[in-house]
Every structure is written in structure tokens, then in C-alpha cells.
């Protein structure tokens, strides 16, 4: 399972820097103009000492519902030792101006559901999640940004 998370992380990084959206058809271009897509690779710490910290991958698509508001859907996958964790959420974002014309700050609230499974014992758990976070994004080219964010997620 760790190999899957590592492989997804590498694919996400390559996709983020490949410029795939430029090579699409007119339909893909029109879709991309209306939606913002992002791929995040990061670190997930758990508050329970019995659960190891994990690497994670997040894929998000958001649509502008009126500047500065965005609404969308996201999926997250993480592997913490012998526990596989998956979350689906509905991010609601308020975008602020950053420190210049090309930078933005996103404040996000993400309600959702999560599913965790212990790979050794086959114990499964479904729960509700709520998250808050902030991201700093720098748009280095029209339609392309790189950013850094921090999120806190509470799972029941």
C-alpha cells in the first residue's frame, strides 16, 4: 500500500508540472476555464499515538460560484502504517488577495465523510469529517500556480 501512495504522489507531481491542460481539446479547455483543479502531496499527522503519521495525496476540483467564492469536490488518500484512510469532501473556499498581483490566499472549510480500514485486521470505520485550512498560492503563469497550505481535519 505504501508503494501505491508513493506512486500516486509521483504521478501527481509529474501531472502538476506537465502542462497537461494545454494539450487538451476545446472541450477540455472550456472545462478548465470554469474549474480549478489541484493536486496536493503532503504529510498527515494523527493525534492518536497508536496511529503512525502518513504521506497523503489530495485531488481537488473547484468551480467559481462568484468571485471570491469557490465550491467543489475533493478526495484524499493516506496510508498510516497498517491503516488506509480515504476522505471525500466538499470544499468551500473564500479567496483573498495575497502580497501582490500574482499571489492569493485561500481560506477553506471542508465538510465530508471518511473511510478507514485496518489492513491487518480488516476492521473498517465510516465517519464524518470537518476541516479548515489556508493555502498561499503564487500564480507563476496564467492558469498555473504553486502553493503551500495547512489544514486541520476532525474525524468522528
N, C-alpha and C. Protein backbone atom coordinates (compact mmCIF):
# COMPACT_ATOMS: atom_id res chain seq x y z
N UNK A 1 0.81 -1.19 0.00
CA UNK A 1 0.00 0.00 0.00
C UNK A 1 0.87 1.26 0.00
N UNK A 2 2.01 1.19 0.70
CA UNK A 2 2.91 2.35 0.69
C UNK A 2 3.39 2.63 -0.72
N UNK A 3 3.63 1.59 -1.49
CA UNK A 3 4.06 1.77 -2.87
C UNK A 3 3.00 2.49 -3.69
N UNK A 4 1.73 2.19 -3.43
CA UNK A 4 0.64 2.85 -4.15
C UNK A 4 0.63 4.33 -3.83
N UNK A 5 0.75 4.69 -2.55
CA UNK A 5 0.76 6.10 -2.15
C UNK A 5 1.96 6.82 -2.76
N UNK A 6 3.13 6.19 -2.75
CA UNK A 6 4.32 6.79 -3.35
C UNK A 6 4.13 6.97 -4.86
N UNK A 7 3.59 5.96 -5.53
CA UNK A 7 3.35 6.05 -6.97
C UNK A 7 2.35 7.16 -7.29
N UNK A 8 1.27 7.26 -6.52
CA UNK A 8 0.30 8.34 -6.73
C UNK A 8 0.93 9.70 -6.50
N UNK A 9 1.80 9.80 -5.53
CA UNK A 9 2.49 11.07 -5.26
C UNK A 9 3.37 11.48 -6.43
N UNK A 10 4.13 10.54 -6.96
CA UNK A 10 4.99 10.83 -8.11
C UNK A 10 4.15 11.23 -9.32
N UNK A 11 3.07 10.52 -9.58
CA UNK A 11 2.19 10.85 -10.70
C UNK A 11 1.59 12.24 -10.50
N UNK A 12 1.18 12.56 -9.28
CA UNK A 12 0.60 13.87 -9.00
C UNK A 12 1.60 14.98 -9.26
N UNK A 13 2.84 14.79 -8.84
CA UNK A 13 3.87 15.81 -9.05
C UNK A 13 4.15 15.98 -10.55
N UNK A 14 4.29 14.88 -11.27
CA UNK A 14 4.53 14.96 -12.71
C UNK A 14 3.37 15.62 -13.43
N UNK A 15 2.15 15.29 -13.05
CA UNK A 15 0.96 15.89 -13.66
C UNK A 15 0.92 17.38 -13.40
N UNK A 16 1.25 17.79 -12.18
CA UNK A 16 1.18 19.20 -11.81
C UNK A 16 2.12 20.06 -12.64
N UNK A 17 3.28 19.52 -13.01
CA UNK A 17 4.26 20.29 -13.76
C UNK A 17 4.28 19.99 -15.25
N UNK A 18 3.39 19.14 -15.73
CA UNK A 18 3.45 18.72 -17.13
C UNK A 18 2.74 19.65 -18.09
N UNK A 19 1.81 20.46 -17.62
CA UNK A 19 1.06 21.32 -18.52
C UNK A 19 0.04 20.55 -19.33
N UNK A 20 -0.51 19.49 -18.78
CA UNK A 20 -1.46 18.63 -19.49
C UNK A 20 -2.66 19.43 -19.99
N UNK A 21 -3.11 20.43 -19.24
CA UNK A 21 -4.32 21.15 -19.63
C UNK A 21 -4.13 21.91 -20.94
N UNK A 22 -2.88 22.23 -21.33
CA UNK A 22 -2.65 22.93 -22.59
C UNK A 22 -2.83 22.01 -23.79
N UNK A 23 -2.70 20.73 -23.61
CA UNK A 23 -2.74 19.80 -24.72
C UNK A 23 -4.13 19.25 -24.99
N UNK A 24 -5.14 19.72 -24.26
CA UNK A 24 -6.48 19.18 -24.38
C UNK A 24 -7.23 19.71 -25.58
N UNK A 25 -8.43 19.18 -25.79
CA UNK A 25 -9.29 19.65 -26.86
C UNK A 25 -10.00 20.92 -26.41
N UNK A 26 -10.82 21.47 -27.30
CA UNK A 26 -11.56 22.69 -26.95
C UNK A 26 -12.49 22.44 -25.77
N UNK A 27 -13.10 21.25 -25.71
CA UNK A 27 -13.97 20.92 -24.58
C UNK A 27 -13.20 20.96 -23.27
N UNK A 28 -12.03 20.34 -23.27
CA UNK A 28 -11.21 20.33 -22.05
C UNK A 28 -10.79 21.74 -21.67
N UNK A 29 -10.50 22.57 -22.68
CA UNK A 29 -10.10 23.95 -22.40
C UNK A 29 -11.25 24.73 -21.78
N UNK A 30 -12.46 24.57 -22.33
CA UNK A 30 -13.62 25.25 -21.75
C UNK A 30 -13.90 24.77 -20.34
N UNK A 31 -13.77 23.47 -20.11
CA UNK A 31 -13.98 22.92 -18.77
C UNK A 31 -12.95 23.49 -17.80
N UNK A 32 -11.70 23.55 -18.23
CA UNK A 32 -10.62 24.03 -17.37
C UNK A 32 -10.78 25.50 -17.03
N UNK A 33 -11.38 26.28 -17.93
CA UNK A 33 -11.59 27.70 -17.64
C UNK A 33 -12.62 27.90 -16.54
N UNK A 34 -13.55 26.97 -16.40
CA UNK A 34 -14.61 27.11 -15.40
C UNK A 34 -14.26 26.45 -14.08
N UNK A 35 -13.34 25.52 -14.07
CA UNK A 35 -12.97 24.77 -12.88
C UNK A 35 -11.50 24.96 -12.56
N UNK A 36 -11.19 25.00 -11.29
CA UNK A 36 -9.81 24.99 -10.83
C UNK A 36 -9.51 23.60 -10.30
N UNK A 37 -8.47 22.98 -10.79
CA UNK A 37 -8.08 21.66 -10.31
C UNK A 37 -6.73 21.77 -9.61
N UNK A 38 -6.56 20.98 -8.58
CA UNK A 38 -5.27 20.99 -7.89
C UNK A 38 -4.96 19.60 -7.37
N UNK A 39 -3.68 19.34 -7.26
CA UNK A 39 -3.18 18.09 -6.71
C UNK A 39 -2.24 18.46 -5.58
N UNK A 40 -2.47 17.90 -4.42
CA UNK A 40 -1.61 18.17 -3.28
C UNK A 40 -0.96 16.90 -2.78
N UNK A 41 0.29 17.01 -2.43
CA UNK A 41 1.05 15.91 -1.85
C UNK A 41 1.59 16.44 -0.53
N UNK A 42 1.39 15.68 0.54
CA UNK A 42 1.83 16.22 1.82
C UNK A 42 1.99 15.20 2.92
N UNK A 43 1.97 15.71 4.12
CA UNK A 43 2.19 14.96 5.35
C UNK A 43 0.92 15.06 6.19
N UNK A 44 0.48 13.97 6.77
CA UNK A 44 -0.71 13.95 7.61
C UNK A 44 -0.31 13.40 8.97
N UNK A 45 -0.47 14.21 9.99
CA UNK A 45 -0.20 13.77 11.36
C UNK A 45 -1.50 13.41 12.04
N UNK A 46 -1.50 12.37 12.85
CA UNK A 46 -2.69 11.95 13.58
C UNK A 46 -2.48 12.22 15.06
N UNK A 47 -3.54 12.62 15.76
CA UNK A 47 -3.41 12.94 17.18
C UNK A 47 -3.34 11.70 18.06
N UNK A 48 -3.86 10.58 17.61
CA UNK A 48 -3.78 9.34 18.40
C UNK A 48 -2.38 8.76 18.28
N UNK A 49 -1.79 8.46 19.41
CA UNK A 49 -0.41 7.97 19.39
C UNK A 49 -0.30 6.56 18.79
N UNK A 50 -1.40 5.82 18.75
CA UNK A 50 -1.37 4.46 18.19
C UNK A 50 -1.27 4.47 16.67
N UNK A 51 -1.59 5.60 16.03
CA UNK A 51 -1.59 5.68 14.58
C UNK A 51 -0.35 6.43 14.11
N UNK A 52 0.38 5.83 13.20
CA UNK A 52 1.58 6.48 12.64
C UNK A 52 1.18 7.66 11.78
N UNK A 53 2.09 8.62 11.62
CA UNK A 53 1.88 9.70 10.68
C UNK A 53 1.97 9.14 9.26
N UNK A 54 1.50 9.91 8.29
CA UNK A 54 1.36 9.35 6.95
C UNK A 54 1.67 10.36 5.87
N UNK A 55 2.02 9.83 4.69
CA UNK A 55 2.04 10.63 3.49
C UNK A 55 0.63 10.65 2.92
N UNK A 56 0.27 11.71 2.20
CA UNK A 56 -1.09 11.81 1.67
C UNK A 56 -1.10 12.44 0.29
N UNK A 57 -2.17 12.16 -0.44
CA UNK A 57 -2.41 12.75 -1.75
C UNK A 57 -3.83 13.29 -1.75
N UNK A 58 -4.00 14.53 -2.21
CA UNK A 58 -5.33 15.16 -2.29
C UNK A 58 -5.53 15.63 -3.73
N UNK A 59 -6.69 15.34 -4.28
CA UNK A 59 -7.07 15.84 -5.60
C UNK A 59 -8.35 16.65 -5.41
N UNK A 60 -8.35 17.89 -5.93
CA UNK A 60 -9.48 18.80 -5.71
C UNK A 60 -9.86 19.49 -7.01
N UNK A 61 -11.17 19.65 -7.22
CA UNK A 61 -11.70 20.44 -8.33
C UNK A 61 -12.73 21.40 -7.75
N UNK A 62 -12.57 22.69 -8.06
CA UNK A 62 -13.49 23.70 -7.54
C UNK A 62 -13.96 24.59 -8.67
N UNK A 63 -15.20 25.03 -8.56
CA UNK A 63 -15.78 25.93 -9.55
C UNK A 63 -16.07 27.27 -8.89
N UNK A 64 -15.78 28.33 -9.61
CA UNK A 64 -16.10 29.66 -9.09
C UNK A 64 -17.60 29.85 -9.09
N UNK A 65 -18.14 30.21 -7.95
CA UNK A 65 -19.59 30.46 -7.86
C UNK A 65 -19.85 31.95 -7.70
N UNK A 66 -18.87 32.75 -7.93
CA UNK A 66 -18.93 34.19 -7.79
C UNK A 66 -17.72 34.64 -7.01
N UNK A 67 -16.86 35.43 -7.66
CA UNK A 67 -15.61 35.82 -7.01
C UNK A 67 -15.92 36.54 -5.72
N UNK A 68 -15.32 36.21 -4.63
CA UNK A 68 -14.15 35.36 -4.39
C UNK A 68 -14.49 33.98 -3.86
N UNK A 69 -15.67 33.42 -4.18
CA UNK A 69 -16.10 32.14 -3.62
C UNK A 69 -15.91 30.99 -4.62
N UNK A 70 -15.47 29.84 -4.09
CA UNK A 70 -15.32 28.63 -4.89
C UNK A 70 -15.97 27.47 -4.14
N UNK A 71 -16.55 26.54 -4.88
CA UNK A 71 -17.18 25.35 -4.31
C UNK A 71 -16.79 24.16 -5.17
N UNK A 72 -16.54 23.02 -4.55
CA UNK A 72 -16.10 21.89 -5.35
C UNK A 72 -16.19 20.56 -4.65
N UNK A 73 -15.32 19.65 -5.07
CA UNK A 73 -15.25 18.30 -4.51
C UNK A 73 -13.77 17.92 -4.42
N UNK A 74 -13.43 17.11 -3.41
CA UNK A 74 -12.05 16.66 -3.27
C UNK A 74 -12.01 15.25 -2.73
N UNK A 75 -10.93 14.57 -3.02
CA UNK A 75 -10.68 13.25 -2.48
C UNK A 75 -9.29 13.19 -1.89
N UNK A 76 -9.14 12.47 -0.81
CA UNK A 76 -7.85 12.35 -0.13
C UNK A 76 -7.58 10.88 0.18
N UNK A 77 -6.34 10.48 0.04
CA UNK A 77 -5.92 9.13 0.41
C UNK A 77 -4.64 9.22 1.22
N UNK A 78 -4.57 8.42 2.29
CA UNK A 78 -3.37 8.39 3.13
C UNK A 78 -3.15 6.97 3.62
N UNK A 79 -1.92 6.65 3.89
CA UNK A 79 -1.56 5.35 4.44
C UNK A 79 -0.72 5.58 5.68
N UNK A 80 -1.26 5.17 6.84
CA UNK A 80 -0.59 5.35 8.13
C UNK A 80 -0.30 3.98 8.72
N UNK A 81 0.90 3.49 8.49
CA UNK A 81 1.24 2.15 8.98
C UNK A 81 0.36 1.11 8.31
N UNK A 82 -0.49 0.44 9.10
CA UNK A 82 -1.39 -0.58 8.54
C UNK A 82 -2.81 -0.05 8.36
N UNK A 83 -3.01 1.27 8.41
CA UNK A 83 -4.34 1.86 8.27
C UNK A 83 -4.40 2.68 6.98
N UNK A 84 -5.34 2.32 6.10
CA UNK A 84 -5.60 3.08 4.88
C UNK A 84 -6.76 4.02 5.18
N UNK A 85 -6.58 5.29 4.82
CA UNK A 85 -7.56 6.34 5.14
C UNK A 85 -7.96 7.03 3.84
N UNK A 86 -9.27 7.15 3.62
CA UNK A 86 -9.81 7.82 2.44
C UNK A 86 -10.85 8.82 2.89
N UNK A 87 -10.87 9.99 2.25
CA UNK A 87 -11.84 11.02 2.61
C UNK A 87 -12.34 11.69 1.34
N UNK A 88 -13.65 11.98 1.32
CA UNK A 88 -14.27 12.74 0.24
C UNK A 88 -14.91 13.95 0.90
N UNK A 89 -14.64 15.13 0.34
CA UNK A 89 -15.16 16.35 0.95
C UNK A 89 -15.69 17.32 -0.08
N UNK A 90 -16.38 18.35 0.42
CA UNK A 90 -16.93 19.42 -0.40
C UNK A 90 -16.29 20.73 0.07
N UNK A 91 -15.18 21.14 -0.56
CA UNK A 91 -14.50 22.35 -0.11
C UNK A 91 -15.24 23.63 -0.51
N UNK A 92 -15.37 24.53 0.43
CA UNK A 92 -15.93 25.86 0.20
C UNK A 92 -14.82 26.85 0.52
N UNK A 93 -14.41 27.64 -0.47
CA UNK A 93 -13.23 28.49 -0.34
C UNK A 93 -13.57 29.96 -0.52
N UNK A 94 -12.96 30.78 0.32
CA UNK A 94 -13.01 32.24 0.19
C UNK A 94 -11.60 32.70 -0.18
N UNK A 95 -11.46 33.36 -1.32
CA UNK A 95 -10.14 33.76 -1.82
C UNK A 95 -9.85 35.22 -1.50
N UNK A 96 -8.69 35.45 -0.90
CA UNK A 96 -8.21 36.79 -0.57
C UNK A 96 -7.04 37.15 -1.48
N UNK A 97 -6.83 38.44 -1.67
CA UNK A 97 -5.63 38.88 -2.38
C UNK A 97 -4.41 38.59 -1.52
N UNK A 98 -3.35 38.23 -2.18
CA UNK A 98 -2.10 37.96 -1.47
C UNK A 98 -1.25 39.20 -1.36
N UNK A 99 0.04 39.00 -1.50
CA UNK A 99 1.01 40.08 -1.33
C UNK A 99 1.37 40.76 -2.64
N UNK A 100 0.69 40.45 -3.69
CA UNK A 100 0.96 41.04 -4.99
C UNK A 100 -0.10 40.61 -5.97
N UNK A 101 0.06 41.01 -7.20
CA UNK A 101 -0.94 40.70 -8.23
C UNK A 101 -1.06 39.20 -8.49
N UNK A 102 0.03 38.45 -8.37
CA UNK A 102 0.02 37.03 -8.72
C UNK A 102 -0.18 36.10 -7.54
N UNK A 103 -0.29 36.61 -6.34
CA UNK A 103 -0.44 35.72 -5.18
C UNK A 103 -1.84 35.82 -4.60
N UNK A 104 -2.32 34.71 -4.07
CA UNK A 104 -3.66 34.62 -3.47
C UNK A 104 -3.58 33.82 -2.18
N UNK A 105 -4.51 34.07 -1.28
CA UNK A 105 -4.65 33.30 -0.05
C UNK A 105 -6.05 32.72 -0.04
N UNK A 106 -6.15 31.40 0.07
CA UNK A 106 -7.44 30.71 0.11
C UNK A 106 -7.72 30.24 1.53
N UNK A 107 -8.89 30.61 2.05
CA UNK A 107 -9.38 30.11 3.33
C UNK A 107 -10.49 29.11 3.03
N UNK A 108 -10.38 27.89 3.54
CA UNK A 108 -11.25 26.81 3.12
C UNK A 108 -11.88 26.07 4.30
N UNK A 109 -13.16 25.72 4.14
CA UNK A 109 -13.89 24.85 5.06
C UNK A 109 -14.29 23.62 4.25
N UNK A 110 -14.04 22.41 4.82
CA UNK A 110 -14.28 21.18 4.06
C UNK A 110 -15.07 20.17 4.89
N UNK A 111 -16.41 20.13 4.76
CA UNK A 111 -17.16 19.03 5.37
C UNK A 111 -17.06 17.80 4.46
N UNK A 112 -17.18 16.61 5.06
CA UNK A 112 -17.08 15.41 4.24
C UNK A 112 -17.29 14.13 5.02
N UNK A 113 -16.94 13.03 4.38
CA UNK A 113 -17.02 11.71 5.01
C UNK A 113 -15.68 11.01 4.81
N UNK A 114 -15.36 10.11 5.76
CA UNK A 114 -14.10 9.38 5.66
C UNK A 114 -14.36 7.89 5.85
N UNK A 115 -13.41 7.13 5.35
CA UNK A 115 -13.45 5.68 5.48
C UNK A 115 -12.04 5.23 5.82
N UNK A 116 -11.91 4.45 6.88
CA UNK A 116 -10.61 3.92 7.28
C UNK A 116 -10.71 2.42 7.43
N UNK A 117 -9.65 1.73 7.05
CA UNK A 117 -9.62 0.29 7.19
C UNK A 117 -8.25 -0.14 7.71
N UNK A 118 -8.27 -1.07 8.65
CA UNK A 118 -7.05 -1.66 9.17
C UNK A 118 -6.70 -2.82 8.25
N UNK A 119 -5.57 -2.73 7.59
CA UNK A 119 -5.19 -3.73 6.60
C UNK A 119 -4.83 -5.08 7.22
N UNK A 120 -4.49 -5.10 8.50
CA UNK A 120 -4.14 -6.35 9.18
C UNK A 120 -5.36 -7.08 9.72
N UNK A 121 -6.32 -6.33 10.28
CA UNK A 121 -7.47 -6.96 10.96
C UNK A 121 -8.77 -6.84 10.19
N UNK A 122 -8.78 -6.14 9.07
CA UNK A 122 -9.99 -5.90 8.27
C UNK A 122 -11.09 -5.20 9.05
N UNK A 123 -10.74 -4.40 10.04
CA UNK A 123 -11.71 -3.57 10.76
C UNK A 123 -11.90 -2.30 9.95
N UNK A 124 -13.16 -1.95 9.64
CA UNK A 124 -13.48 -0.79 8.83
C UNK A 124 -14.27 0.21 9.65
N UNK A 125 -14.12 1.50 9.31
CA UNK A 125 -14.88 2.53 10.02
C UNK A 125 -15.24 3.65 9.05
N UNK A 126 -16.50 4.06 9.09
CA UNK A 126 -17.00 5.18 8.30
C UNK A 126 -17.29 6.32 9.26
N UNK A 127 -16.89 7.54 8.92
CA UNK A 127 -17.10 8.65 9.83
C UNK A 127 -17.33 9.96 9.11
N UNK A 128 -17.79 10.94 9.85
CA UNK A 128 -17.97 12.29 9.33
C UNK A 128 -16.69 13.08 9.58
N UNK A 129 -16.38 14.01 8.69
CA UNK A 129 -15.20 14.84 8.85
C UNK A 129 -15.55 16.31 8.67
N UNK A 130 -14.76 17.14 9.27
CA UNK A 130 -14.85 18.58 9.08
C UNK A 130 -13.45 19.13 9.10
N UNK A 131 -13.14 20.01 8.19
CA UNK A 131 -11.79 20.54 8.12
C UNK A 131 -11.77 22.02 7.85
N UNK A 132 -10.71 22.67 8.31
CA UNK A 132 -10.46 24.08 8.00
C UNK A 132 -9.01 24.19 7.55
N UNK A 133 -8.73 25.18 6.73
CA UNK A 133 -7.36 25.33 6.28
C UNK A 133 -7.12 26.62 5.53
N UNK A 134 -5.87 26.86 5.24
CA UNK A 134 -5.45 28.03 4.49
C UNK A 134 -4.33 27.63 3.54
N UNK A 135 -4.34 28.25 2.36
CA UNK A 135 -3.30 28.00 1.36
C UNK A 135 -2.81 29.32 0.81
N UNK A 136 -1.53 29.42 0.61
CA UNK A 136 -0.93 30.54 -0.10
C UNK A 136 -0.57 30.04 -1.49
N UNK A 137 -1.04 30.73 -2.53
CA UNK A 137 -0.77 30.31 -3.91
C UNK A 137 -0.10 31.44 -4.67
N UNK A 138 0.90 31.07 -5.46
CA UNK A 138 1.56 32.01 -6.35
C UNK A 138 1.30 31.56 -7.78
N UNK A 139 0.62 32.41 -8.57
CA UNK A 139 0.30 32.10 -9.96
C UNK A 139 1.46 32.57 -10.84
N UNK A 140 2.34 31.63 -11.21
CA UNK A 140 3.54 31.97 -11.97
C UNK A 140 3.25 32.11 -13.46
N UNK A 141 2.11 31.64 -13.90
CA UNK A 141 1.67 31.73 -15.28
C UNK A 141 0.15 31.64 -15.27
N UNK A 142 -0.51 32.21 -16.23
CA UNK A 142 -1.97 32.17 -16.26
C UNK A 142 -2.45 30.72 -16.21
N UNK A 143 -3.24 30.41 -15.20
CA UNK A 143 -3.78 29.07 -15.05
C UNK A 143 -2.89 28.10 -14.30
N UNK A 144 -1.69 28.51 -13.89
CA UNK A 144 -0.76 27.63 -13.18
C UNK A 144 -0.30 28.30 -11.89
N UNK A 145 -0.35 27.53 -10.82
CA UNK A 145 0.08 28.07 -9.53
C UNK A 145 0.81 26.99 -8.75
N UNK A 146 1.62 27.44 -7.82
CA UNK A 146 2.25 26.56 -6.86
C UNK A 146 1.94 27.14 -5.49
N UNK A 147 1.71 26.28 -4.52
CA UNK A 147 1.29 26.80 -3.23
C UNK A 147 1.73 25.96 -2.06
N UNK A 148 1.42 26.48 -0.89
CA UNK A 148 1.73 25.83 0.37
C UNK A 148 0.52 26.02 1.27
N UNK A 149 0.06 24.95 1.90
CA UNK A 149 -1.12 25.05 2.74
C UNK A 149 -1.02 24.22 3.99
N UNK A 150 -1.91 24.52 4.93
CA UNK A 150 -2.01 23.76 6.17
C UNK A 150 -3.49 23.57 6.48
N UNK A 151 -3.87 22.35 6.85
CA UNK A 151 -5.26 22.02 7.15
C UNK A 151 -5.35 21.25 8.46
N UNK A 152 -6.47 21.43 9.13
CA UNK A 152 -6.78 20.65 10.33
C UNK A 152 -8.10 19.94 10.05
N UNK A 153 -8.12 18.62 10.20
CA UNK A 153 -9.32 17.83 9.93
C UNK A 153 -9.71 17.07 11.19
N UNK A 154 -10.98 17.15 11.54
CA UNK A 154 -11.53 16.41 12.67
C UNK A 154 -12.38 15.28 12.10
N UNK A 155 -12.11 14.05 12.53
CA UNK A 155 -12.84 12.88 12.06
C UNK A 155 -13.52 12.19 13.23
N UNK A 156 -14.81 11.86 13.08
CA UNK A 156 -15.52 11.17 14.16
C UNK A 156 -15.30 9.68 14.07
